[in-house]
PDB file of N, CA and C in Angstrom:
ATOM      1  N   MET A   1       6.824  10.426  15.720  1.00  0.00           N
ATOM      2  CA  MET A   1       8.005  10.086  15.115  1.00  0.00           C
ATOM      3  C   MET A   1       8.134  11.121  13.474  1.00  0.00           C
ATOM      4  N   ASN A   2       9.108  11.585  13.636  1.00  0.00           N
ATOM      5  CA  ASN A   2       9.337  12.278  12.307  1.00  0.00           C
ATOM      6  C   ASN A   2       9.706  11.484  11.014  1.00  0.00           C
ATOM      7  N   ASN A   3       9.697  12.079   9.765  1.00  0.00           N
ATOM      8  CA  ASN A   3       9.974  11.250   8.542  1.00  0.00           C
ATOM      9  C   ASN A   3      11.742  10.977   8.332  1.00  0.00           C
ATOM     10  N   TYR A   4      12.391  11.758   9.477  1.00  0.00           N
ATOM     11  CA  TYR A   4      13.681  11.671   9.152  1.00  0.00           C
ATOM     12  C   TYR A   4      14.200   9.904   9.490  1.00  0.00           C
ATOM     13  N   ASN A   5      13.426   9.240  10.118  1.00  0.00           N
ATOM     14  CA  ASN A   5      13.720   8.098  10.815  1.00  0.00           C
ATOM     15  C   ASN A   5      13.202   6.924  10.033  1.00  0.00           C
ATOM     16  N   LYS A   6      12.712   7.254   8.997  1.00  0.00           N
ATOM     17  CA  LYS A   6      11.515   6.291   8.247  1.00  0.00           C
ATOM     18  C   LYS A   6      12.482   5.932   7.119  1.00  0.00           C
ATOM     19  N   THR A   7      12.347   4.711   6.449  1.00  0.00           N
ATOM     20  CA  THR A   7      12.882   4.414   5.261  1.00  0.00           C
ATOM     21  C   THR A   7      11.947   4.605   4.203  1.00  0.00           C
ATOM     22  N   ASP A   8      12.601   5.015   3.102  1.00  0.00           N
ATOM     23  CA  ASP A   8      11.767   5.846   1.739  1.00  0.00           C
ATOM     24  C   ASP A   8      11.221   3.992   1.092  1.00  0.00           C
ATOM     25  N   LEU A   9       9.920   4.236   0.872  1.00  0.00           N
ATOM     26  CA  LEU A   9       9.487   3.677   0.282  1.00  0.00           C
ATOM     27  C   LEU A   9       9.816   3.255  -1.212  1.00  0.00           C
ATOM     28  N   GLN A  10      10.692   2.775  -1.789  1.00  0.00           N
ATOM     29  CA  GLN A  10      10.998   3.000  -3.417  1.00  0.00           C
ATOM     30  C   GLN A  10      10.520   1.956  -4.032  1.00  0.00           C
ATOM     31  N   LEU A  11       9.714   1.968  -5.076  1.00  0.00           N
ATOM     32  CA  LEU A  11       9.252   0.796  -5.829  1.00  0.00           C
ATOM     33  C   LEU A  11       9.350   1.101  -6.916  1.00  0.00           C
ATOM     34  N   ASN A  12       9.757  -0.312  -7.996  1.00  0.00           N
ATOM     35  CA  ASN A  12       9.725   0.020  -9.357  1.00  0.00           C
ATOM     36  C   ASN A  12       8.247   0.334  -9.628  1.00  0.00           C
ATOM     37  N   GLY A  13       8.172   1.393 -10.661  1.00  0.00           N
ATOM     38  CA  GLY A  13       6.991   1.611 -11.459  1.00  0.00           C
ATOM     39  C   GLY A  13       6.097   2.733 -10.353  1.00  0.00           C
ATOM     40  N   LEU A  14       6.882   3.364  -9.523  1.00  0.00           N
ATOM     41  CA  LEU A  14       6.281   4.358  -8.685  1.00  0.00           C
ATOM     42  C   LEU A  14       7.553   5.248  -8.481  1.00  0.00           C
ATOM     43  N   ASN A  15       7.136   6.483  -8.775  1.00  0.00           N
ATOM     44  CA  ASN A  15       7.808   7.811  -8.644  1.00  0.00           C
ATOM     45  C   ASN A  15       6.894   8.800  -7.753  1.00  0.00           C
ATOM     46  N   ILE A  16       6.913   8.182  -6.390  1.00  0.00           N
ATOM     47  CA  ILE A  16       6.547   9.264  -5.292  1.00  0.00           C
ATOM     48  C   ILE A  16       7.314   9.506  -4.234  1.00  0.00           C
ATOM     49  N   ASP A  17       7.608  10.809  -4.050  1.00  0.00           N
ATOM     50  CA  ASP A  17       8.515  11.079  -2.949  1.00  0.00           C
ATOM     51  C   ASP A  17       7.260  11.195  -1.281  1.00  0.00           C
ATOM     52  N   GLY A  18       8.105  10.813  -0.520  1.00  0.00           N
ATOM     53  CA  GLY A  18       7.196  10.856   0.936  1.00  0.00           C
ATOM     54  C   GLY A  18       6.632  10.023   1.153  1.00  0.00           C
ATOM     55  N   LEU A  19       6.825   8.668   0.438  1.00  0.00           N
ATOM     56  CA  LEU A  19       6.346   7.749   1.155  1.00  0.00           C
ATOM     57  C   LEU A  19       7.387   6.803   1.523  1.00  0.00           C
ATOM     58  N   TYR A  20       6.885   5.954   3.235  1.00  0.00           N
ATOM     59  CA  TYR A  20       7.897   5.265   3.643  1.00  0.00           C
ATOM     60  C   TYR A  20       7.279   4.187   4.184  1.00  0.00           C
ATOM     61  N   LEU A  21       8.143   3.293   4.223  1.00  0.00           N
ATOM     62  CA  LEU A  21       8.311   1.760   4.486  1.00  0.00           C
ATOM     63  C   LEU A  21       7.471   1.482   5.684  1.00  0.00           C
ATOM     64  N   GLU A  22       7.201   2.402   6.933  1.00  0.00           N
ATOM     65  CA  GLU A  22       6.888   2.295   7.943  1.00  0.00           C
ATOM     66  C   GLU A  22       5.607   2.747   8.106  1.00  0.00           C
ATOM     67  N   ASP A  23       5.103   3.582   7.128  1.00  0.00           N
ATOM     68  CA  ASP A  23       3.568   3.659   6.576  1.00  0.00           C
ATOM     69  C   ASP A  23       2.823   2.782   5.972  1.00  0.00           C
ATOM     70  N   VAL A  24       3.416   1.604   5.964  1.00  0.00           N
ATOM     71  CA  VAL A  24       2.471   0.591   4.815  1.00  0.00           C
ATOM     72  C   VAL A  24       1.387  -0.024   5.988  1.00  0.00           C
ATOM     73  N   PHE A  25       0.344  -0.232   5.752  1.00  0.00           N
ATOM     74  CA  PHE A  25      -0.718  -0.909   6.688  1.00  0.00           C
ATOM     75  C   PHE A  25      -0.407  -2.179   6.157  1.00  0.00           C
ATOM     76  N   SER A  26      -1.002  -2.738   5.057  1.00  0.00           N
ATOM     77  CA  SER A  26      -1.163  -4.056   4.663  1.00  0.00           C
ATOM     78  C   SER A  26      -0.650  -3.916   3.168  1.00  0.00           C
ATOM     79  N   VAL A  27      -0.351  -5.516   2.520  1.00  0.00           N
ATOM     80  CA  VAL A  27       0.177  -5.463   1.327  1.00  0.00           C
ATOM     81  C   VAL A  27      -0.492  -6.714   0.551  1.00  0.00           C
ATOM     82  N   TRP A  28      -1.391  -6.571  -0.092  1.00  0.00           N
ATOM     83  CA  TRP A  28      -2.154  -7.733  -1.205  1.00  0.00           C
ATOM     84  C   TRP A  28      -1.469  -7.997  -2.377  1.00  0.00           C
ATOM     85  N   GLU A  29      -1.113  -9.338  -2.551  1.00  0.00           N
ATOM     86  CA  GLU A  29      -0.682 -10.266  -3.999  1.00  0.00           C
ATOM     87  C   GLU A  29      -1.785 -10.228  -5.070  1.00  0.00           C
ATOM     88  N   HIS A  30      -1.827  -9.728  -5.937  1.00  0.00           N
ATOM     89  CA  HIS A  30      -3.038 -10.356  -6.802  1.00  0.00           C
ATOM     90  C   HIS A  30      -2.333 -10.364  -8.296  1.00  0.00           C
ATOM     91  N   PHE A  31      -2.997 -11.169  -9.036  1.00  0.00           N
ATOM     92  CA  PHE A  31      -2.583 -11.202 -10.434  1.00  0.00           C
ATOM     93  C   PHE A  31      -3.739 -10.653 -11.632  1.00  0.00           C
ATOM     94  N   ASP A  32      -3.161  -9.986 -12.629  1.00  0.00           N
ATOM     95  CA  ASP A  32      -4.042  -9.706 -13.686  1.00  0.00           C
ATOM     96  C   ASP A  32      -4.637 -10.935 -14.549  1.00  0.00           C
ATOM     97  N   LYS A  33      -5.434 -10.417 -15.334  1.00  0.00           N
ATOM     98  CA  LYS A  33      -5.799 -11.444 -16.429  1.00  0.00           C
ATOM     99  C   LYS A  33      -4.536 -12.429 -17.281  1.00  0.00           C
ATOM    100  N   ASN A  34      -3.732 -11.804 -17.290  1.00  0.00           N
ATOM    101  CA  ASN A  34      -2.893 -12.181 -18.132  1.00  0.00           C
ATOM    102  C   ASN A  34      -1.455 -13.016 -16.941  1.00  0.00           C
ATOM    103  N   ALA A  35      -2.013 -13.045 -15.996  1.00  0.00           N
ATOM    104  CA  ALA A  35      -1.336 -14.163 -14.798  1.00  0.00           C
ATOM    105  C   ALA A  35       0.157 -12.966 -14.497  1.00  0.00           C
ATOM    106  N   ASN A  36       0.154 -11.776 -14.877  1.00  0.00           N
ATOM    107  CA  ASN A  36       1.229 -10.775 -14.271  1.00  0.00           C
ATOM    108  C   ASN A  36       0.819 -10.440 -12.848  1.00  0.00           C
ATOM    109  N   LYS A  37       1.871 -10.629 -11.894  1.00  0.00           N
ATOM    110  CA  LYS A  37       2.033 -10.463 -10.458  1.00  0.00           C
ATOM    111  C   LYS A  37       1.909  -9.063 -10.007  1.00  0.00           C
ATOM    112  N   TYR A  38       0.989  -8.308  -9.357  1.00  0.00           N
ATOM    113  CA  TYR A  38       1.278  -7.085  -8.809  1.00  0.00           C
ATOM    114  C   TYR A  38       0.965  -7.469  -7.212  1.00  0.00           C
ATOM    115  N   PHE A  39       1.379  -6.185  -6.535  1.00  0.00           N
ATOM    116  CA  PHE A  39       1.084  -5.851  -5.052  1.00  0.00           C
ATOM    117  C   PHE A  39       0.251  -4.721  -5.232  1.00  0.00           C
ATOM    118  N   THR A  40      -0.317  -4.540  -4.138  1.00  0.00           N
ATOM    119  CA  THR A  40      -1.433  -3.353  -4.057  1.00  0.00           C
ATOM    120  C   THR A  40      -1.229  -3.343  -2.543  1.00  0.00           C
ATOM    121  N   VAL A  41      -0.503  -1.748  -2.292  1.00  0.00           N
ATOM    122  CA  VAL A  41       0.121  -1.401  -1.090  1.00  0.00           C
ATOM    123  C   VAL A  41      -1.070  -0.244  -0.373  1.00  0.00           C
ATOM    124  N   PHE A  42      -1.386  -0.806   0.771  1.00  0.00           N
ATOM    125  CA  PHE A  42      -2.107   0.105   1.773  1.00  0.00           C
ATOM    126  C   PHE A  42      -1.323   0.936   2.444  1.00  0.00           C
ATOM    127  N   MET A  43      -1.472   2.183   2.416  1.00  0.00           N
ATOM    128  CA  MET A  43      -0.736   2.787   3.288  1.00  0.00           C
ATOM    129  C   MET A  43      -1.726   3.293   4.793  1.00  0.00           C
ATOM    130  N   ILE A  44      -1.395   3.887   5.866  1.00  0.00           N
ATOM    131  CA  ILE A  44      -1.748   4.137   6.959  1.00  0.00           C
ATOM    132  C   ILE A  44      -2.961   5.474   6.985  1.00  0.00           C
ATOM    133  N   ASN A  45      -2.512   6.216   5.770  1.00  0.00           N
ATOM    134  CA  ASN A  45      -3.140   7.477   5.272  1.00  0.00           C
ATOM    135  C   ASN A  45      -4.523   6.956   4.477  1.00  0.00           C
ATOM    136  N   ASN A  46      -5.018   5.862   4.434  1.00  0.00           N
ATOM    137  CA  ASN A  46      -6.015   5.301   3.491  1.00  0.00           C
ATOM    138  C   ASN A  46      -5.748   5.524   2.082  1.00  0.00           C
ATOM    139  N   SER A  47      -4.579   5.803   1.684  1.00  0.00           N
ATOM    140  CA  SER A  47      -4.082   5.489   0.238  1.00  0.00           C
ATOM    141  C   SER A  47      -3.548   4.072  -0.018  1.00  0.00           C
ATOM    142  N   ARG A  48      -3.710   3.972  -1.264  1.00  0.00           N
ATOM    143  CA  ARG A  48      -3.299   2.692  -1.911  1.00  0.00           C
ATOM    144  C   ARG A  48      -2.495   2.901  -3.126  1.00  0.00           C
ATOM    145  N   ILE A  49      -1.585   1.894  -3.364  1.00  0.00           N
ATOM    146  CA  ILE A  49      -0.355   2.139  -4.565  1.00  0.00           C
ATOM    147  C   ILE A  49      -0.649   0.593  -5.181  1.00  0.00           C
ATOM    148  N   THR A  50      -0.829   0.424  -6.226  1.00  0.00           N
ATOM    149  CA  THR A  50      -0.626  -0.784  -7.210  1.00  0.00           C
ATOM    150  C   THR A  50       1.102  -0.804  -8.098  1.00  0.00           C
ATOM    151  N   VAL A  51       1.380  -1.718  -7.863  1.00  0.00           N
ATOM    152  CA  VAL A  51       3.104  -1.625  -8.301  1.00  0.00           C
ATOM    153  C   VAL A  51       3.313  -3.273  -8.898  1.00  0.00           C
ATOM    154  N   PRO A  52       3.770  -3.460  -9.954  1.00  0.00           N
ATOM    155  CA  PRO A  52       4.299  -4.507 -10.530  1.00  0.00           C
ATOM    156  C   PRO A  52       5.242  -5.282  -9.425  1.00  0.00           C
ATOM    157  N   ALA A  53       5.313  -6.679  -9.219  1.00  0.00           N
ATOM    158  CA  ALA A  53       6.110  -7.506  -8.359  1.00  0.00           C
ATOM    159  C   ALA A  53       7.341  -7.816  -8.959  1.00  0.00           C
ATOM    160  N   THR A  54       8.330  -6.864  -9.247  1.00  0.00           N
ATOM    161  CA  THR A  54       9.335  -6.887  -9.505  1.00  0.00           C
ATOM    162  C   THR A  54      10.161  -7.352  -8.508  1.00  0.00           C
ATOM    163  N   GLU A  55      11.572  -7.902  -8.798  1.00  0.00           N
ATOM    164  CA  GLU A  55      12.576  -8.412  -7.541  1.00  0.00           C
ATOM    165  C   GLU A  55      12.674  -7.387  -6.815  1.00  0.00           C
ATOM    166  N   ALA A  56      12.873  -6.381  -7.272  1.00  0.00           N
ATOM    167  CA  ALA A  56      13.280  -4.944  -6.151  1.00  0.00           C
ATOM    168  C   ALA A  56      11.823  -5.031  -5.358  1.00  0.00           C
ATOM    169  N   ASN A  57      10.804  -4.888  -5.796  1.00  0.00           N
ATOM    170  CA  ASN A  57       9.703  -4.802  -5.017  1.00  0.00           C
ATOM    171  C   ASN A  57       9.212  -5.587  -4.195  1.00  0.00           C
ATOM    172  N   VAL A  58       9.662  -7.129  -4.195  1.00  0.00           N
ATOM    173  CA  VAL A  58       9.524  -7.918  -3.409  1.00  0.00           C
ATOM    174  C   VAL A  58      10.203  -7.972  -2.404  1.00  0.00           C
ATOM    175  N   ALA A  59      11.519  -7.692  -2.653  1.00  0.00           N
ATOM    176  CA  ALA A  59      12.460  -7.512  -1.757  1.00  0.00           C
ATOM    177  C   ALA A  59      12.280  -6.133  -0.914  1.00  0.00           C
ATOM    178  N   MET A  60      11.772  -5.273  -1.299  1.00  0.00           N
ATOM    179  CA  MET A  60      11.598  -3.837  -0.321  1.00  0.00           C
ATOM    180  C   MET A  60      10.304  -4.483   0.764  1.00  0.00           C
ATOM    181  N   LEU A  61       8.977  -4.994  -0.019  1.00  0.00           N
ATOM    182  CA  LEU A  61       8.016  -5.281   0.871  1.00  0.00           C
ATOM    183  C   LEU A  61       7.967  -6.216   1.583  1.00  0.00           C
ATOM    184  N   TYR A  62       8.575  -7.457   1.197  1.00  0.00           N
ATOM    185  CA  TYR A  62       8.993  -8.341   2.451  1.00  0.00           C
ATOM    186  C   TYR A  62      10.119  -7.962   3.509  1.00  0.00           C
ATOM    187  N   GLN A  63      11.165  -7.298   3.073  1.00  0.00           N
ATOM    188  CA  GLN A  63      11.730  -6.611   3.969  1.00  0.00           C
ATOM    189  C   GLN A  63      11.355  -6.062   5.014  1.00  0.00           C
ATOM    190  N   GLY A  64       9.855  -5.114   4.771  1.00  0.00           N
ATOM    191  CA  GLY A  64       9.380  -4.289   5.884  1.00  0.00           C
ATOM    192  C   GLY A  64       8.572  -5.258   6.945  1.00  0.00           C
ATOM    193  N   GLY A  65       8.638  -6.285   6.860  1.00  0.00           N
ATOM    194  CA  GLY A  65       8.378  -7.404   7.846  1.00  0.00           C
ATOM    195  C   GLY A  65       6.526  -7.166   7.932  1.00  0.00           C
ATOM    196  N   HIS A  66       5.835  -6.825   7.106  1.00  0.00           N
ATOM    197  CA  HIS A  66       4.316  -6.647   6.571  1.00  0.00           C
ATOM    198  C   HIS A  66       3.926  -8.210   6.396  1.00  0.00           C
ATOM    199  N   GLN A  67       2.993  -8.725   6.679  1.00  0.00           N
ATOM    200  CA  GLN A  67       1.990  -9.777   6.079  1.00  0.00           C
ATOM    201  C   GLN A  67       1.794  -9.445   5.013  1.00  0.00           C
ATOM    202  N   VAL A  68       1.786 -10.142   3.809  1.00  0.00           N
ATOM    203  CA  VAL A  68       2.038 -10.195   2.434  1.00  0.00           C
ATOM    204  C   VAL A  68       0.428 -11.334   2.302  1.00  0.00           C
ATOM    205  N   SER A  69      -0.452 -10.763   1.668  1.00  0.00           N
ATOM    206  CA  SER A  69      -1.730 -11.624   1.321  1.00  0.00           C
ATOM    207  C   SER A  69      -2.208 -11.804   0.173  1.00  0.00           C
ATOM    208  N   GLU A  70      -2.771 -13.115   0.104  1.00  0.00           N
ATOM    209  CA  GLU A  70      -3.519 -13.171  -1.348  1.00  0.00           C
ATOM    210  C   GLU A  70      -5.024 -13.237  -1.012  1.00  0.00           C
ATOM    211  N   PHE A  71      -5.844 -12.977  -1.566  1.00  0.00           N
ATOM    212  CA  PHE A  71      -7.243 -13.054  -1.283  1.00  0.00           C
ATOM    213  C   PHE A  71      -7.892 -13.591  -2.589  1.00  0.00           C
ATOM    214  N   VAL A  72      -8.669 -14.737  -1.790  1.00  0.00           N
ATOM    215  CA  VAL A  72      -8.952 -15.555  -2.936  1.00  0.00           C
ATOM    216  C   VAL A  72     -10.817 -15.580  -2.509  1.00  0.00           C
ATOM    217  N   VAL A  73     -11.636 -15.855  -3.610  1.00  0.00           N
ATOM    218  CA  VAL A  73     -13.185 -16.056  -3.498  1.00  0.00           C
ATOM    219  C   VAL A  73     -13.289 -17.389  -3.618  1.00  0.00           C
ATOM    220  N   ASN A  74     -13.904 -17.781  -2.330  1.00  0.00           N
ATOM    221  CA  ASN A  74     -14.252 -19.828  -2.267  1.00  0.00           C
ATOM    222  C   ASN A  74     -15.359 -19.666  -3.338  1.00  0.00           C
ATOM    223  N   ASP A  75     -15.826 -20.841  -3.236  1.00  0.00           N
ATOM    224  CA  ASP A  75     -16.890 -21.106  -3.784  1.00  0.00           C
ATOM    225  C   ASP A  75     -18.341 -20.681  -3.442  1.00  0.00           C
ATOM    226  N   ASP A  76     -18.105 -20.550  -2.140  1.00  0.00           N
ATOM    227  CA  ASP A  76     -19.309 -20.037  -1.561  1.00  0.00           C
ATOM    228  C   ASP A  76     -19.712 -18.340  -1.748  1.00  0.00           C
ATOM    229  N   GLY A  77     -18.802 -17.689  -2.432  1.00  0.00           N
ATOM    230  CA  GLY A  77     -18.237 -16.691  -2.644  1.00  0.00           C
ATOM    231  C   GLY A  77     -18.059 -15.720  -1.473  1.00  0.00           C
ATOM    232  N   ILE A  78     -17.374 -16.281  -0.559  1.00  0.00           N
ATOM    233  CA  ILE A  78     -16.881 -15.432   0.691  1.00  0.00           C
ATOM    234  C   ILE A  78     -15.466 -15.464   0.162  1.00  0.00           C
ATOM    235  N   VAL A  79     -14.964 -14.119   0.778  1.00  0.00           N
ATOM    236  CA  VAL A  79     -13.484 -13.670   0.555  1.00  0.00           C
ATOM    237  C   VAL A  79     -12.421 -14.505   1.596  1.00  0.00           C
ATOM    238  N   ASP A  80     -11.704 -15.164   1.159  1.00  0.00           N
ATOM    239  CA  ASP A  80     -10.809 -15.678   2.121  1.00  0.00           C
ATOM    240  C   ASP A  80      -9.206 -14.936   2.090  1.00  0.00           C
ATOM    241  N   GLU A  81      -8.517 -14.569   3.082  1.00  0.00           N
ATOM    242  CA  GLU A  81      -7.264 -14.224   3.115  1.00  0.00           C
ATOM    243  C   GLU A  81      -6.505 -15.154   3.342  1.00  0.00           C
ATOM    244  N   ILE A  82      -5.085 -15.368   2.576  1.00  0.00           N
ATOM    245  CA  ILE A  82      -4.591 -16.238   2.919  1.00  0.00           C
ATOM    246  C   ILE A  82      -3.119 -15.712   2.832  1.00  0.00           C
ATOM    247  N   GLU A  83      -2.044 -16.025   3.888  1.00  0.00           N
ATOM    248  CA  GLU A  83      -0.976 -15.159   4.046  1.00  0.00           C
ATOM    249  C   GLU A  83       0.092 -15.774   2.895  1.00  0.00           C
ATOM    250  N   VAL A  84       0.775 -15.139   2.649  1.00  0.00           N
ATOM    251  CA  VAL A  84       1.661 -15.628   1.509  1.00  0.00           C
ATOM    252  C   VAL A  84       3.056 -15.729   1.935  1.00  0.00           C
ATOM    253  N   ALA A  85       3.787 -16.915   1.839  1.00  0.00           N
ATOM    254  CA  ALA A  85       5.047 -17.519   2.431  1.00  0.00           C
ATOM    255  C   ALA A  85       5.838 -16.359   2.168  1.00  0.00           C
ATOM    256  N   LYS A  86       6.943 -16.054   3.395  1.00  0.00           N
ATOM    257  CA  LYS A  86       7.933 -15.113   2.930  1.00  0.00           C
ATOM    258  C   LYS A  86       9.090 -15.795   2.035  1.00  0.00           C
ATOM    259  N   ARG A  87       9.399 -14.969   1.365  1.00  0.00           N
ATOM    260  CA  ARG A  87      10.332 -15.193   0.293  1.00  0.00           C
ATOM    261  C   ARG A  87      11.866 -15.106   0.823  1.00  0.00           C
TER     262      ARG A  87
END
């Protein structure tokens, strides 16, 4: 597949050309110590991008049809993956 048929991955807080929505492998939702929400986007080429969870970024990432997950460390120290409901 050539890149002409792909949707540009345009995210607030990110100014990189050549990223495409179809190349997203997975998306994690997480919060910083001040309770600000962020997304970490993992790409199929093993790169990752962290962007703030603005309304535009939420719309772009959820429109891609990818599962958005939150990772929580439970009381046993095991990391659980929880799918975040689509908005």
